[in-house]
Amino acid sequence: MSEKANYFKIGLFFIISVILIVTAVIIWGAGLFTKDKIYFETYFDSPVTGLNVGASIQVMGVKIGQVESIDFVSAVYDISTDPTKVSRYERYIRVLGSISAE
């Protein structure tokens, strides 16, 4: 029932595991599996009800990208104006989209 441990097999398993983990970290860290993206932004002065982050962007029914973020323009850009006046751009909604650059 009690067998002696085979230290050679244990050591070989450990060394191969470490090599595979280091190789995987190097490959994914180098970005070999990531795709380059082209970002663009557009602005709306009306509600964007139903638009969500991650929604697909389609042209003539073909998916070409996705929505990355939805923010108010005033939250993203510093619109420094007179504090007594409201900028006409503060109510705009900024939608950031991305297209895969292949």
N, C-alpha and C. Protein backbone atom coordinates (compact mmCIF):
# COMPACT_ATOMS: atom_id res chain seq x y z
N MET A 1 0.81 -1.18 0.00
CA MET A 1 0.00 0.00 0.00
C MET A 1 0.86 1.25 0.00
N SER A 2 1.93 1.24 0.75
CA SER A 2 2.79 2.42 0.76
C SER A 2 3.95 2.19 -0.20
N GLU A 3 3.96 3.00 -1.24
CA GLU A 3 5.04 2.92 -2.21
C GLU A 3 5.94 4.12 -2.04
N LYS A 4 7.17 3.93 -2.44
CA LYS A 4 8.12 5.04 -2.39
C LYS A 4 7.78 6.04 -3.49
N ALA A 5 7.89 7.31 -3.17
CA ALA A 5 7.63 8.36 -4.16
C ALA A 5 8.74 8.36 -5.21
N ASN A 6 8.35 8.53 -6.44
CA ASN A 6 9.31 8.60 -7.53
C ASN A 6 9.66 10.08 -7.72
N TYR A 7 10.74 10.51 -7.11
CA TYR A 7 11.11 11.93 -7.11
C TYR A 7 11.48 12.43 -8.49
N PHE A 8 11.97 11.55 -9.34
CA PHE A 8 12.30 11.97 -10.70
C PHE A 8 11.04 12.39 -11.46
N LYS A 9 9.98 11.60 -11.37
CA LYS A 9 8.73 11.93 -12.06
C LYS A 9 8.10 13.20 -11.47
N ILE A 10 8.15 13.35 -10.17
CA ILE A 10 7.60 14.55 -9.52
C ILE A 10 8.38 15.79 -9.96
N GLY A 11 9.69 15.69 -9.98
CA GLY A 11 10.52 16.81 -10.40
C GLY A 11 10.32 17.16 -11.87
N LEU A 12 10.21 16.14 -12.71
CA LEU A 12 9.97 16.37 -14.13
C LEU A 12 8.61 17.03 -14.36
N PHE A 13 7.60 16.57 -13.65
CA PHE A 13 6.27 17.17 -13.75
C PHE A 13 6.32 18.64 -13.32
N PHE A 14 7.02 18.93 -12.24
CA PHE A 14 7.12 20.30 -11.74
C PHE A 14 7.84 21.20 -12.74
N ILE A 15 8.94 20.75 -13.29
CA ILE A 15 9.72 21.56 -14.24
C ILE A 15 8.92 21.82 -15.51
N ILE A 16 8.25 20.81 -16.05
CA ILE A 16 7.44 21.00 -17.25
C ILE A 16 6.28 21.95 -16.98
N SER A 17 5.66 21.83 -15.81
CA SER A 17 4.56 22.74 -15.46
C SER A 17 5.03 24.18 -15.39
N VAL A 18 6.17 24.42 -14.76
CA VAL A 18 6.70 25.78 -14.66
C VAL A 18 7.04 26.33 -16.04
N ILE A 19 7.61 25.52 -16.90
CA ILE A 19 7.95 25.97 -18.26
C ILE A 19 6.69 26.33 -19.03
N LEU A 20 5.65 25.53 -18.92
CA LEU A 20 4.40 25.82 -19.62
C LEU A 20 3.74 27.11 -19.09
N ILE A 21 3.76 27.30 -17.80
CA ILE A 21 3.17 28.51 -17.21
C ILE A 21 3.94 29.75 -17.65
N VAL A 22 5.26 29.70 -17.61
CA VAL A 22 6.08 30.84 -18.02
C VAL A 22 5.87 31.14 -19.50
N THR A 23 5.79 30.11 -20.33
CA THR A 23 5.55 30.30 -21.76
C THR A 23 4.19 30.95 -22.01
N ALA A 24 3.16 30.51 -21.30
CA ALA A 24 1.83 31.09 -21.45
C ALA A 24 1.82 32.55 -21.03
N VAL A 25 2.49 32.88 -19.94
CA VAL A 25 2.55 34.27 -19.48
C VAL A 25 3.27 35.14 -20.49
N ILE A 26 4.33 34.66 -21.07
CA ILE A 26 5.09 35.43 -22.06
C ILE A 26 4.25 35.65 -23.33
N ILE A 27 3.57 34.61 -23.79
CA ILE A 27 2.77 34.74 -25.01
C ILE A 27 1.63 35.72 -24.81
N TRP A 28 0.86 35.58 -23.74
CA TRP A 28 -0.26 36.50 -23.52
C TRP A 28 0.22 37.88 -23.11
N GLY A 29 1.33 37.96 -22.43
CA GLY A 29 1.88 39.26 -22.06
C GLY A 29 2.40 40.04 -23.25
N ALA A 30 2.85 39.35 -24.27
CA ALA A 30 3.36 40.02 -25.47
C ALA A 30 2.23 40.52 -26.35
N GLY A 31 1.01 40.11 -26.07
CA GLY A 31 -0.13 40.58 -26.84
C GLY A 31 -0.29 39.91 -28.19
N LEU A 32 0.17 38.70 -28.31
CA LEU A 32 0.06 38.01 -29.58
C LEU A 32 -1.37 37.64 -29.92
N PHE A 33 -2.24 37.55 -28.91
CA PHE A 33 -3.62 37.17 -29.16
C PHE A 33 -4.59 38.34 -29.05
N THR A 34 -4.08 39.53 -28.86
CA THR A 34 -4.95 40.69 -28.79
C THR A 34 -5.03 41.34 -30.16
N LYS A 35 -6.18 41.91 -30.44
CA LYS A 35 -6.37 42.59 -31.72
C LYS A 35 -6.29 44.09 -31.51
N ASP A 36 -5.70 44.78 -32.46
CA ASP A 36 -5.67 46.23 -32.40
C ASP A 36 -7.06 46.76 -32.70
N LYS A 37 -7.39 47.87 -32.03
CA LYS A 37 -8.70 48.48 -32.23
C LYS A 37 -8.55 49.92 -32.67
N ILE A 38 -9.47 50.36 -33.46
CA ILE A 38 -9.56 51.77 -33.85
C ILE A 38 -10.75 52.34 -33.08
N TYR A 39 -10.49 53.38 -32.31
CA TYR A 39 -11.54 53.99 -31.50
C TYR A 39 -12.10 55.22 -32.19
N PHE A 40 -13.38 55.44 -32.02
CA PHE A 40 -14.02 56.65 -32.52
C PHE A 40 -15.08 57.06 -31.51
N GLU A 41 -15.45 58.31 -31.55
CA GLU A 41 -16.49 58.77 -30.65
C GLU A 41 -17.50 59.61 -31.43
N THR A 42 -18.72 59.54 -30.96
CA THR A 42 -19.79 60.32 -31.55
C THR A 42 -20.61 60.92 -30.42
N TYR A 43 -21.36 61.95 -30.73
CA TYR A 43 -22.09 62.70 -29.71
C TYR A 43 -23.57 62.75 -30.06
N PHE A 44 -24.40 62.67 -29.02
CA PHE A 44 -25.84 62.75 -29.19
C PHE A 44 -26.37 63.86 -28.29
N ASP A 45 -27.34 64.63 -28.79
CA ASP A 45 -27.97 65.63 -27.94
C ASP A 45 -29.38 65.20 -27.56
N SER A 46 -29.70 63.95 -27.83
CA SER A 46 -30.99 63.39 -27.45
C SER A 46 -30.73 62.09 -26.67
N PRO A 47 -31.73 61.56 -25.98
CA PRO A 47 -31.51 60.34 -25.19
C PRO A 47 -31.05 59.16 -26.04
N VAL A 48 -30.22 58.33 -25.45
CA VAL A 48 -29.73 57.12 -26.12
C VAL A 48 -30.29 55.89 -25.40
N THR A 49 -31.58 55.92 -25.15
CA THR A 49 -32.24 54.83 -24.45
C THR A 49 -32.08 53.53 -25.22
N GLY A 50 -31.69 52.48 -24.49
CA GLY A 50 -31.53 51.17 -25.11
C GLY A 50 -30.12 50.89 -25.58
N LEU A 51 -29.26 51.89 -25.60
CA LEU A 51 -27.87 51.68 -26.00
C LEU A 51 -27.06 51.30 -24.78
N ASN A 52 -26.35 50.21 -24.84
CA ASN A 52 -25.57 49.71 -23.71
C ASN A 52 -24.12 49.49 -24.09
N VAL A 53 -23.26 49.53 -23.09
CA VAL A 53 -21.85 49.19 -23.30
C VAL A 53 -21.78 47.73 -23.72
N GLY A 54 -21.03 47.46 -24.77
CA GLY A 54 -20.91 46.11 -25.31
C GLY A 54 -21.86 45.83 -26.45
N ALA A 55 -22.78 46.77 -26.72
CA ALA A 55 -23.71 46.58 -27.84
C ALA A 55 -22.94 46.61 -29.15
N SER A 56 -23.42 45.86 -30.12
CA SER A 56 -22.72 45.81 -31.41
C SER A 56 -23.04 47.05 -32.24
N ILE A 57 -22.06 47.45 -33.03
CA ILE A 57 -22.22 48.54 -33.99
C ILE A 57 -22.33 47.87 -35.35
N GLN A 58 -23.41 48.16 -36.04
CA GLN A 58 -23.66 47.50 -37.31
C GLN A 58 -23.78 48.51 -38.44
N VAL A 59 -23.27 48.11 -39.59
CA VAL A 59 -23.43 48.88 -40.82
C VAL A 59 -24.07 47.96 -41.83
N MET A 60 -25.25 48.31 -42.29
CA MET A 60 -26.01 47.52 -43.24
C MET A 60 -26.18 46.08 -42.76
N GLY A 61 -26.39 45.91 -41.45
CA GLY A 61 -26.63 44.60 -40.87
C GLY A 61 -25.41 43.78 -40.54
N VAL A 62 -24.21 44.32 -40.79
CA VAL A 62 -22.97 43.60 -40.52
C VAL A 62 -22.30 44.21 -39.30
N LYS A 63 -21.98 43.37 -38.32
CA LYS A 63 -21.32 43.86 -37.11
C LYS A 63 -19.90 44.26 -37.44
N ILE A 64 -19.57 45.52 -37.12
CA ILE A 64 -18.20 46.00 -37.40
C ILE A 64 -17.47 46.39 -36.13
N GLY A 65 -18.18 46.51 -35.01
CA GLY A 65 -17.52 46.92 -33.78
C GLY A 65 -18.47 46.83 -32.61
N GLN A 66 -18.08 47.51 -31.52
CA GLN A 66 -18.92 47.50 -30.33
C GLN A 66 -18.77 48.80 -29.57
N VAL A 67 -19.77 49.09 -28.73
CA VAL A 67 -19.76 50.28 -27.90
C VAL A 67 -18.85 50.03 -26.70
N GLU A 68 -17.89 50.92 -26.49
CA GLU A 68 -16.94 50.76 -25.38
C GLU A 68 -17.39 51.51 -24.12
N SER A 69 -17.92 52.73 -24.28
CA SER A 69 -18.37 53.49 -23.11
C SER A 69 -19.40 54.53 -23.52
N ILE A 70 -20.22 54.91 -22.55
CA ILE A 70 -21.23 55.94 -22.73
C ILE A 70 -21.10 56.90 -21.55
N ASP A 71 -20.82 58.18 -21.84
CA ASP A 71 -20.60 59.17 -20.79
C ASP A 71 -21.19 60.51 -21.23
N PHE A 72 -21.33 61.39 -20.25
CA PHE A 72 -21.64 62.77 -20.58
C PHE A 72 -20.35 63.47 -21.01
N VAL A 73 -20.44 64.39 -21.94
CA VAL A 73 -19.26 65.10 -22.43
C VAL A 73 -18.58 65.84 -21.28
N SER A 74 -19.36 66.41 -20.40
CA SER A 74 -18.78 67.17 -19.28
C SER A 74 -18.01 66.28 -18.31
N ALA A 75 -18.30 64.98 -18.28
CA ALA A 75 -17.58 64.07 -17.40
C ALA A 75 -16.25 63.65 -18.00
N VAL A 76 -16.13 63.71 -19.32
CA VAL A 76 -14.91 63.25 -19.98
C VAL A 76 -13.97 64.41 -20.27
N TYR A 77 -14.53 65.51 -20.74
CA TYR A 77 -13.73 66.67 -21.12
C TYR A 77 -13.98 67.81 -20.15
N ASP A 78 -12.93 68.60 -19.92
CA ASP A 78 -13.06 69.76 -19.05
C ASP A 78 -13.65 70.90 -19.86
N ILE A 79 -14.92 71.16 -19.64
CA ILE A 79 -15.59 72.25 -20.34
C ILE A 79 -15.60 73.44 -19.38
N SER A 80 -14.53 74.21 -19.44
CA SER A 80 -14.42 75.34 -18.52
C SER A 80 -15.13 76.54 -19.13
N THR A 81 -16.21 76.93 -18.48
CA THR A 81 -16.98 78.09 -18.92
C THR A 81 -17.28 78.95 -17.71
N ASP A 82 -17.98 79.99 -17.95
CA ASP A 82 -18.41 80.87 -16.87
C ASP A 82 -19.37 80.09 -15.97
N PRO A 83 -19.12 80.04 -14.65
CA PRO A 83 -19.97 79.24 -13.77
C PRO A 83 -21.43 79.71 -13.75
N THR A 84 -21.69 80.92 -14.17
CA THR A 84 -23.07 81.40 -14.17
C THR A 84 -23.82 80.96 -15.41
N LYS A 85 -23.10 80.48 -16.41
CA LYS A 85 -23.73 80.02 -17.66
C LYS A 85 -23.54 78.52 -17.81
N VAL A 86 -24.47 77.89 -18.43
CA VAL A 86 -24.37 76.46 -18.72
C VAL A 86 -23.95 76.30 -20.18
N SER A 87 -22.91 75.52 -20.39
CA SER A 87 -22.44 75.28 -21.75
C SER A 87 -23.46 74.44 -22.51
N ARG A 88 -23.61 74.72 -23.78
CA ARG A 88 -24.57 73.96 -24.57
C ARG A 88 -24.09 72.53 -24.80
N TYR A 89 -22.80 72.27 -24.56
CA TYR A 89 -22.25 70.94 -24.78
C TYR A 89 -22.34 70.05 -23.55
N GLU A 90 -22.70 70.60 -22.40
CA GLU A 90 -22.74 69.80 -21.18
C GLU A 90 -23.79 68.70 -21.24
N ARG A 91 -24.83 68.89 -21.96
CA ARG A 91 -25.89 67.89 -22.00
C ARG A 91 -25.67 66.85 -23.10
N TYR A 92 -24.63 66.99 -23.87
CA TYR A 92 -24.35 66.01 -24.92
C TYR A 92 -23.89 64.70 -24.30
N ILE A 93 -24.19 63.61 -24.98
CA ILE A 93 -23.78 62.29 -24.54
C ILE A 93 -22.71 61.79 -25.51
N ARG A 94 -21.60 61.34 -24.95
CA ARG A 94 -20.47 60.84 -25.76
C ARG A 94 -20.52 59.32 -25.77
N VAL A 95 -20.49 58.75 -26.96
CA VAL A 95 -20.46 57.29 -27.12
C VAL A 95 -19.14 56.94 -27.79
N LEU A 96 -18.34 56.14 -27.09
CA LEU A 96 -17.05 55.68 -27.60
C LEU A 96 -17.24 54.30 -28.16
N GLY A 97 -16.84 54.11 -29.41
CA GLY A 97 -16.95 52.83 -30.08
C GLY A 97 -15.59 52.36 -30.57
N SER A 98 -15.51 51.08 -30.85
CA SER A 98 -14.25 50.54 -31.37
C SER A 98 -14.55 49.59 -32.54
N ILE A 99 -13.61 49.60 -33.47
CA ILE A 99 -13.67 48.72 -34.62
C ILE A 99 -12.37 47.93 -34.66
N SER A 100 -12.45 46.65 -34.90
CA SER A 100 -11.27 45.81 -34.97
C SER A 100 -10.44 46.19 -36.18
N ALA A 101 -9.16 46.41 -35.97
CA ALA A 101 -8.25 46.83 -37.05
C ALA A 101 -7.55 45.59 -37.62
N GLU A 102 -8.18 44.95 -38.55
CA GLU A 102 -7.57 43.75 -39.16
C GLU A 102 -7.15 44.02 -40.57
